[in-house]
């Protein structure tokens, strides 16, 4: 990432000037934060090429991952992704205007509507996700072998599975 000190340099300075903070957990967390920055920056550019914001991309991918009819209530959708509920309303309005989702009457709860992926939304979700996945592979392949990527994924998911159960 241009203009930022490398995590290795940050950790080296920390080790020299604040050794009690230079623990393995700090290495892991700083590494995850920087990896997130690299991937997020890259993903943002890719999805923008499809006319999507990162939040809109998340909504489309979440709905595409569901079984037919690929729909959720706004509350369930909000719980499934990483944006605020206020932000969700704006994203859903734009996606509906663009014809990527429909908002339907919820027969089970008249207070809310269902958000359903349209065929257009499915096409955008699939094409943008393919581009993002290809880019993710390129990023990780610059630093890790396929076996290391697999091991890293397993380790990360193992940790998340334990932490998300709390």
Protein backbone atom coordinates (compact mmCIF):
# COMPACT_ATOMS: atom_id res chain seq x y z
CA UNK A 1 0.00 0.00 0.00
CA UNK A 2 1.62 3.16 -1.23
CA UNK A 3 2.52 5.72 1.38
CA UNK A 4 2.12 3.46 4.42
CA UNK A 5 4.85 1.87 6.46
CA UNK A 6 4.95 -1.88 6.08
CA UNK A 7 3.66 -3.97 8.94
CA UNK A 8 7.16 -5.44 9.23
CA UNK A 9 8.59 -1.94 9.77
CA UNK A 10 5.88 -1.09 12.30
CA UNK A 11 6.56 -4.31 14.20
CA UNK A 12 10.32 -3.74 14.07
CA UNK A 13 9.93 -0.27 15.58
CA UNK A 14 7.55 -1.64 18.16
CA UNK A 15 10.00 -4.40 19.07
CA UNK A 16 12.80 -1.87 19.52
CA UNK A 17 10.80 0.80 21.35
CA UNK A 18 7.96 -1.05 23.03
CA UNK A 19 8.91 -4.73 23.25
CA UNK A 20 6.10 -5.65 25.64
CA UNK A 21 3.59 -4.78 22.87
CA UNK A 22 5.47 -6.75 20.18
CA UNK A 23 3.73 -10.02 20.95
CA UNK A 24 2.53 -12.68 18.48
CA UNK A 25 -1.08 -11.51 18.84
CA UNK A 26 -0.09 -8.00 17.75
CA UNK A 27 1.62 -9.44 14.67
CA UNK A 28 -1.53 -11.35 13.78
CA UNK A 29 -3.90 -8.44 14.33
CA UNK A 30 -1.77 -5.87 12.50
CA UNK A 31 -1.39 -8.35 9.66
CA UNK A 32 -5.14 -8.96 9.46
CA UNK A 33 -5.88 -5.24 9.55
CA UNK A 34 -3.42 -4.50 6.75
CA UNK A 35 -4.62 -7.47 4.66
CA UNK A 36 -8.18 -6.17 5.10
CA UNK A 37 -7.06 -2.72 3.93
CA UNK A 38 -5.38 -4.16 0.83
CA UNK A 39 -8.34 -6.37 -0.09
CA UNK A 40 -10.98 -3.72 0.69
CA UNK A 41 -9.25 -1.07 -1.39
CA UNK A 42 -8.95 -3.42 -4.32
CA UNK A 43 -12.51 -4.76 -3.99
CA UNK A 44 -13.91 -1.23 -3.82
CA UNK A 45 -12.32 -0.42 -7.21
CA UNK A 46 -13.58 -3.63 -8.79
CA UNK A 47 -17.20 -3.30 -7.65
CA UNK A 48 -17.19 0.39 -8.64
CA UNK A 49 -16.50 -0.83 -12.17
CA UNK A 50 -19.88 -2.57 -11.97
CA UNK A 51 -21.54 0.62 -10.69
CA UNK A 52 -21.82 -0.81 -7.17
CA UNK A 53 -20.77 0.40 -3.76
CA UNK A 54 -19.16 -2.14 -1.41
CA UNK A 55 -22.41 -2.22 0.60
CA UNK A 56 -24.52 -2.84 -2.52
CA UNK A 57 -22.12 -5.61 -3.53
CA UNK A 58 -22.54 -7.20 -0.08
CA UNK A 59 -26.33 -7.07 -0.37
CA UNK A 60 -26.34 -8.66 -3.83
CA UNK A 61 -23.86 -11.38 -2.87
CA UNK A 62 -25.77 -12.15 0.34
CA UNK A 63 -29.07 -12.50 -1.53
CA UNK A 64 -27.42 -14.53 -4.32
CA UNK A 65 -26.08 -16.96 -1.70
CA UNK A 66 -29.61 -17.83 -0.55
CA UNK A 67 -31.88 -20.53 -1.96
CA UNK A 68 -34.75 -19.49 -4.25
CA UNK A 69 -36.55 -17.11 -4.05
CA UNK A 70 -33.36 -15.38 -2.74
CA UNK A 71 -35.04 -13.00 -0.33
CA UNK A 72 -34.76 -11.73 3.24
CA UNK A 73 -36.38 -9.13 5.39
CA UNK A 74 -34.37 -5.92 5.66
CA UNK A 75 -33.65 -6.81 9.31
CA UNK A 76 -32.27 -10.24 8.43
CA UNK A 77 -30.28 -8.72 5.58
CA UNK A 78 -28.89 -6.07 7.94
CA UNK A 79 -27.78 -8.83 10.33
CA UNK A 80 -26.03 -10.67 7.49
CA UNK A 81 -23.78 -7.84 6.33
CA UNK A 82 -21.56 -5.15 7.79
CA UNK A 83 -23.43 -1.88 7.26
CA UNK A 84 -25.65 0.22 9.51
CA UNK A 85 -29.43 -0.02 9.29
CA UNK A 86 -29.61 3.60 8.11
CA UNK A 87 -27.11 2.80 5.40
CA UNK A 88 -29.15 -0.26 4.47
CA UNK A 89 -32.21 1.82 3.55
CA UNK A 90 -30.16 3.98 1.18
CA UNK A 91 -28.50 0.94 -0.42
CA UNK A 92 -31.82 -0.88 -0.88
CA UNK A 93 -33.43 2.19 -2.41
CA UNK A 94 -30.62 2.50 -4.96
CA UNK A 95 -30.62 -1.24 -5.77
CA UNK A 96 -34.39 -1.13 -6.28
CA UNK A 97 -34.08 1.94 -8.55
CA UNK A 98 -31.43 0.07 -10.56
CA UNK A 99 -33.72 -2.97 -10.89
CA UNK A 100 -31.44 -5.31 -8.96
CA UNK A 101 -33.89 -6.03 -6.14
CA UNK A 102 -37.64 -5.89 -5.59
CA UNK A 103 -39.30 -5.06 -2.31
CA UNK A 104 -42.35 -7.23 -1.76
CA UNK A 105 -45.13 -7.37 0.80
CA UNK A 106 -44.22 -9.69 3.66
CA UNK A 107 -47.28 -11.85 4.28
CA UNK A 108 -45.86 -12.96 7.66
CA UNK A 109 -45.18 -9.44 8.95
CA UNK A 110 -47.03 -6.49 7.42
CA UNK A 111 -44.62 -4.07 9.14
CA UNK A 112 -41.74 -5.03 6.85
CA UNK A 113 -41.17 -5.88 3.23
CA UNK A 114 -39.12 -8.69 1.76
CA UNK A 115 -36.06 -7.86 -0.30
CA UNK A 116 -35.78 -10.18 -3.32
CA UNK A 117 -32.96 -10.44 -5.82
CA UNK A 118 -34.03 -9.89 -9.44
CA UNK A 119 -32.51 -11.57 -12.50
CA UNK A 120 -30.59 -8.35 -13.17
CA UNK A 121 -29.32 -8.35 -9.59
CA UNK A 122 -28.28 -11.99 -9.91
CA UNK A 123 -26.26 -11.20 -13.05
CA UNK A 124 -24.52 -8.30 -11.31
CA UNK A 125 -23.84 -10.41 -8.21
CA UNK A 126 -22.35 -13.25 -10.24
CA UNK A 127 -20.23 -11.10 -12.56
CA UNK A 128 -18.91 -8.83 -9.80
CA UNK A 129 -18.22 -11.76 -7.47
CA UNK A 130 -16.24 -13.56 -10.18
CA UNK A 131 -14.09 -10.44 -10.66
CA UNK A 132 -13.58 -9.99 -6.91
CA UNK A 133 -12.72 -13.69 -6.42
CA UNK A 134 -10.20 -13.55 -9.26
CA UNK A 135 -8.60 -10.49 -7.69
CA UNK A 136 -8.54 -12.09 -4.22
CA UNK A 137 -6.73 -15.09 -5.70
CA UNK A 138 -4.21 -12.81 -7.43
CA UNK A 139 -3.55 -10.91 -4.19
CA UNK A 140 -3.05 -14.01 -2.05
CA UNK A 141 -1.07 -15.86 -4.74
CA UNK A 142 1.52 -13.08 -4.73
CA UNK A 143 2.48 -14.06 -1.19
CA UNK A 144 1.29 -17.63 -0.53
CA UNK A 145 1.26 -21.02 -2.20
CA UNK A 146 -2.10 -22.75 -2.79
CA UNK A 147 -1.42 -24.99 0.23
CA UNK A 148 -0.61 -21.96 2.41
CA UNK A 149 -3.81 -20.22 1.26
CA UNK A 150 -5.79 -23.32 2.21
CA UNK A 151 -4.06 -23.53 5.61
CA UNK A 152 -4.53 -19.80 6.27
CA UNK A 153 -8.23 -20.09 5.43
CA UNK A 154 -8.64 -23.10 7.70
CA UNK A 155 -6.86 -21.37 10.60
CA UNK A 156 -8.80 -18.15 10.19
CA UNK A 157 -12.18 -19.93 9.97
CA UNK A 158 -11.31 -22.07 12.98
CA UNK A 159 -10.65 -18.92 15.01
CA UNK A 160 -13.78 -17.18 13.76
CA UNK A 161 -15.96 -20.20 14.45
CA UNK A 162 -14.79 -20.17 18.08
CA UNK A 163 -15.10 -16.40 18.49
CA UNK A 164 -18.46 -15.96 16.77
CA UNK A 165 -20.09 -18.53 19.04
CA UNK A 166 -19.62 -16.24 22.04
